[in-house]
Amino acid sequence: MRRFWIVAMLGMFPRLALAAEGEGGDLGSQLLSFIDSAAYLIGSALAWLIGLVLPGSVNPSLVKPLGYLGLITLLLLLFNLLEAARKLIWLVVVVGWVLMVARILLEAFHG
């Protein structure tokens, strides 16, 4: 587990260094690049955890969607949103997790 985090952090630092030097363009694109990197890191961790539990491996095309779903879930847990917005976001998160788990299970057990 420790080796996974070290490799993930080493993979993330070059992007952060480029963003700090201004190679990525304006601040908006740097922020989006950072969010994308964070989603990829979270998705890789979730895919690794799922691989420990289920037979086979998670499809690599699911790493980013898993990461964005995990990132949204973390944001939902960290911030205290308005009640109406919270219900809508929870609905999107629950539907997303159900669809993600269904696809992973279908791929793991169907082939």
Foldseek 3Di string as FASTA:
>chain_A
DVVLVVVLVVVCVVLVVCVVVCVQPDPVSSVVVNLQSQLLSQLVVVQVVVCVVFPDGADPVCSNVNSVLVVLVVVLVPDDDDPVVNVVSVVVSVVSVVVVVVVRVCVRPVD
